[in-house]
Amino acid sequence: MSAKPFAALAVALLAAAFAPAADPTYEKDVRPFLVKYCVECHTAKQAKAGYNFDTFAGLTKVGKNGATVVPGDADKSLLSKVLNGKGKVMPPAKYPWQPTKEESAMVLAWLRAGGKE
């Protein structure tokens, strides 16, 4: 039996293991993050500080301190500032649920990739 099929399989497995992960997407990654950590206070019914995270369109509207998401400009996105510790702590520390570093890094990666719907 030839070793070629095994070599081809090994190469394919290694390529898959080192392939870059797909960029995070709004629907698959970011929206669930916002639902988990933000929408209790920032919805159409209760838009604290003028922020509504129910929809992508709501994220791009300007609230009290600027737009939560500025597609194509992560540095101007309020969400980037908050997740980088340069804005108000959100969710407030009094809430027991706080995003993990990995979750925050995923949202920041989405913003750096363009922050698009």
C-alpha atoms as a PDB file:
ATOM      1  CA  MET A   1       0.000   0.000   0.000  1.00  0.00           C
ATOM      2  CA  SER A   2       1.293   3.424  -0.951  1.00  0.00           C
ATOM      3  CA  ALA A   3       1.982   6.131   1.634  1.00  0.00           C
ATOM      4  CA  LYS A   4       0.666   8.839  -0.710  1.00  0.00           C
ATOM      5  CA  PRO A   5      -2.950   8.769   0.569  1.00  0.00           C
ATOM      6  CA  PHE A   6      -1.725   9.111   4.154  1.00  0.00           C
ATOM      7  CA  ALA A   7       0.621  11.947   3.246  1.00  0.00           C
ATOM      8  CA  ALA A   8      -2.192  13.767   1.448  1.00  0.00           C
ATOM      9  CA  LEU A   9      -4.452  13.320   4.473  1.00  0.00           C
ATOM     10  CA  ALA A  10      -1.743  14.621   6.813  1.00  0.00           C
ATOM     11  CA  VAL A  11      -1.201  17.701   4.638  1.00  0.00           C
ATOM     12  CA  ALA A  12      -4.955  18.379   4.515  1.00  0.00           C
ATOM     13  CA  LEU A  13      -5.291  18.050   8.291  1.00  0.00           C
ATOM     14  CA  LEU A  14      -2.341  20.358   8.918  1.00  0.00           C
ATOM     15  CA  ALA A  15      -3.695  22.939   6.490  1.00  0.00           C
ATOM     16  CA  ALA A  16      -7.066  22.893   8.241  1.00  0.00           C
ATOM     17  CA  ALA A  17      -5.443  23.206  11.661  1.00  0.00           C
ATOM     18  CA  PHE A  18      -3.451  26.279  10.666  1.00  0.00           C
ATOM     19  CA  ALA A  19      -6.076  27.956   8.494  1.00  0.00           C
ATOM     20  CA  PRO A  20      -7.079  31.357   9.848  1.00  0.00           C
ATOM     21  CA  ALA A  21     -10.432  31.447  11.584  1.00  0.00           C
ATOM     22  CA  ALA A  22     -13.164  33.204   9.669  1.00  0.00           C
ATOM     23  CA  ASP A  23     -13.747  36.819  10.619  1.00  0.00           C
ATOM     24  CA  PRO A  24     -16.535  37.250  13.156  1.00  0.00           C
ATOM     25  CA  THR A  25     -19.890  38.271  11.698  1.00  0.00           C
ATOM     26  CA  TYR A  26     -22.631  40.463  13.091  1.00  0.00           C
ATOM     27  CA  GLU A  27     -25.383  37.821  13.044  1.00  0.00           C
ATOM     28  CA  LYS A  28     -23.331  34.825  14.182  1.00  0.00           C
ATOM     29  CA  ASP A  29     -21.040  36.452  16.739  1.00  0.00           C
ATOM     30  CA  VAL A  30     -21.727  40.093  17.599  1.00  0.00           C
ATOM     31  CA  ARG A  31     -25.512  40.113  17.864  1.00  0.00           C
ATOM     32  CA  PRO A  32     -25.516  37.248  20.434  1.00  0.00           C
ATOM     33  CA  PHE A  33     -22.864  39.173  22.417  1.00  0.00           C
ATOM     34  CA  LEU A  34     -25.071  42.284  22.434  1.00  0.00           C
ATOM     35  CA  VAL A  35     -28.136  40.273  23.433  1.00  0.00           C
ATOM     36  CA  LYS A  36     -26.198  38.656  26.275  1.00  0.00           C
ATOM     37  CA  TYR A  37     -24.603  41.810  27.676  1.00  0.00           C
ATOM     38  CA  CYS A  38     -26.337  44.939  26.367  1.00  0.00           C
ATOM     39  CA  VAL A  39     -29.963  44.732  25.307  1.00  0.00           C
ATOM     40  CA  GLU A  40     -31.371  44.572  28.811  1.00  0.00           C
ATOM     41  CA  CYS A  41     -30.772  48.335  28.964  1.00  0.00           C
ATOM     42  CA  HIS A  42     -30.278  49.381  25.339  1.00  0.00           C
ATOM     43  CA  THR A  43     -33.385  48.536  23.293  1.00  0.00           C
ATOM     44  CA  ALA A  44     -36.003  50.453  21.354  1.00  0.00           C
ATOM     45  CA  LYS A  45     -38.230  50.371  24.450  1.00  0.00           C
ATOM     46  CA  GLN A  46     -35.494  51.447  26.862  1.00  0.00           C
ATOM     47  CA  ALA A  47     -32.688  53.157  24.962  1.00  0.00           C
ATOM     48  CA  LYS A  48     -30.502  54.284  27.856  1.00  0.00           C
ATOM     49  CA  ALA A  49     -28.255  57.188  26.805  1.00  0.00           C
ATOM     50  CA  GLY A  50     -29.980  57.023  23.413  1.00  0.00           C
ATOM     51  CA  TYR A  51     -28.530  53.635  22.447  1.00  0.00           C
ATOM     52  CA  ASN A  52     -30.634  50.898  20.847  1.00  0.00           C
ATOM     53  CA  PHE A  53     -28.869  47.592  20.187  1.00  0.00           C
ATOM     54  CA  ASP A  54     -31.926  45.728  18.877  1.00  0.00           C
ATOM     55  CA  THR A  55     -30.749  46.080  15.277  1.00  0.00           C
ATOM     56  CA  PHE A  56     -27.580  46.794  13.339  1.00  0.00           C
ATOM     57  CA  ALA A  57     -29.112  50.108  12.234  1.00  0.00           C
ATOM     58  CA  GLY A  58     -29.568  51.005  15.900  1.00  0.00           C
ATOM     59  CA  LEU A  59     -25.864  50.398  16.522  1.00  0.00           C
ATOM     60  CA  THR A  60     -24.849  52.931  13.901  1.00  0.00           C
ATOM     61  CA  LYS A  61     -27.074  55.748  15.169  1.00  0.00           C
ATOM     62  CA  VAL A  62     -25.461  58.434  17.287  1.00  0.00           C
ATOM     63  CA  GLY A  63     -26.336  58.340  20.973  1.00  0.00           C
ATOM     64  CA  LYS A  64     -25.201  60.483  23.892  1.00  0.00           C
ATOM     65  CA  ASN A  65     -21.488  59.761  23.364  1.00  0.00           C
ATOM     66  CA  GLY A  66     -21.304  59.025  19.632  1.00  0.00           C
ATOM     67  CA  ALA A  67     -22.151  56.054  17.446  1.00  0.00           C
ATOM     68  CA  THR A  68     -21.759  52.631  19.000  1.00  0.00           C
ATOM     69  CA  VAL A  69     -20.440  51.286  15.705  1.00  0.00           C
ATOM     70  CA  VAL A  70     -18.906  53.295  12.877  1.00  0.00           C
ATOM     71  CA  PRO A  71     -18.579  50.756  10.045  1.00  0.00           C
ATOM     72  CA  GLY A  72     -15.061  50.879   8.637  1.00  0.00           C
ATOM     73  CA  ASP A  73     -13.641  52.903  11.545  1.00  0.00           C
ATOM     74  CA  ALA A  74     -13.091  50.858  14.690  1.00  0.00           C
ATOM     75  CA  ASP A  75     -11.305  53.727  16.442  1.00  0.00           C
ATOM     76  CA  LYS A  76     -14.373  55.974  16.206  1.00  0.00           C
ATOM     77  CA  SER A  77     -16.720  53.234  17.403  1.00  0.00           C
ATOM     78  CA  LEU A  78     -17.841  53.731  20.991  1.00  0.00           C
ATOM     79  CA  LEU A  79     -18.050  49.960  21.385  1.00  0.00           C
ATOM     80  CA  SER A  80     -14.319  49.710  20.659  1.00  0.00           C
ATOM     81  CA  LYS A  81     -13.535  52.325  23.301  1.00  0.00           C
ATOM     82  CA  VAL A  82     -15.687  50.572  25.894  1.00  0.00           C
ATOM     83  CA  LEU A  83     -14.191  47.140  25.185  1.00  0.00           C
ATOM     84  CA  ASN A  84     -10.661  48.578  25.289  1.00  0.00           C
ATOM     85  CA  GLY A  85     -11.275  50.144  28.716  1.00  0.00           C
ATOM     86  CA  LYS A  86     -11.225  53.707  27.368  1.00  0.00           C
ATOM     87  CA  GLY A  87     -14.896  54.435  27.981  1.00  0.00           C
ATOM     88  CA  LYS A  88     -17.527  53.935  30.621  1.00  0.00           C
ATOM     89  CA  VAL A  89     -17.547  50.393  32.017  1.00  0.00           C
ATOM     90  CA  MET A  90     -20.343  48.468  30.317  1.00  0.00           C
ATOM     91  CA  PRO A  91     -22.183  46.557  31.493  1.00  0.00           C
ATOM     92  CA  PRO A  92     -21.826  48.411  34.791  1.00  0.00           C
ATOM     93  CA  ALA A  93     -19.786  46.526  37.382  1.00  0.00           C
ATOM     94  CA  LYS A  94     -22.884  46.018  39.552  1.00  0.00           C
ATOM     95  CA  TYR A  95     -24.151  43.436  37.051  1.00  0.00           C
ATOM     96  CA  PRO A  96     -22.859  39.897  37.608  1.00  0.00           C
ATOM     97  CA  TRP A  97     -22.553  39.160  33.896  1.00  0.00           C
ATOM     98  CA  GLN A  98     -19.459  40.606  32.262  1.00  0.00           C
ATOM     99  CA  PRO A  99     -17.920  39.722  28.907  1.00  0.00           C
ATOM    100  CA  THR A 100     -14.843  37.524  28.926  1.00  0.00           C
ATOM    101  CA  LYS A 101     -11.611  38.719  27.346  1.00  0.00           C
ATOM    102  CA  GLU A 102     -12.202  36.264  24.506  1.00  0.00           C
ATOM    103  CA  GLU A 103     -15.705  37.600  23.838  1.00  0.00           C
ATOM    104  CA  SER A 104     -14.473  41.191  23.874  1.00  0.00           C
ATOM    105  CA  ALA A 105     -11.576  40.283  21.560  1.00  0.00           C
ATOM    106  CA  MET A 106     -14.025  38.703  19.112  1.00  0.00           C
ATOM    107  CA  VAL A 107     -16.144  41.882  18.949  1.00  0.00           C
ATOM    108  CA  LEU A 108     -13.006  44.005  18.554  1.00  0.00           C
ATOM    109  CA  ALA A 109     -11.878  41.749  15.692  1.00  0.00           C
ATOM    110  CA  TRP A 110     -15.268  42.302  14.024  1.00  0.00           C
ATOM    111  CA  LEU A 111     -14.882  46.070  14.411  1.00  0.00           C
ATOM    112  CA  ARG A 112     -11.338  45.979  12.976  1.00  0.00           C
ATOM    113  CA  ALA A 113     -12.616  43.891  10.051  1.00  0.00           C
ATOM    114  CA  GLY A 114     -15.023  46.715   9.182  1.00  0.00           C
ATOM    115  CA  GLY A 115     -17.892  46.291  11.636  1.00  0.00           C
ATOM    116  CA  LYS A 116     -20.399  45.541   8.906  1.00  0.00           C
ATOM    117  CA  GLU A 117     -23.766  43.871   8.932  1.00  0.00           C
END
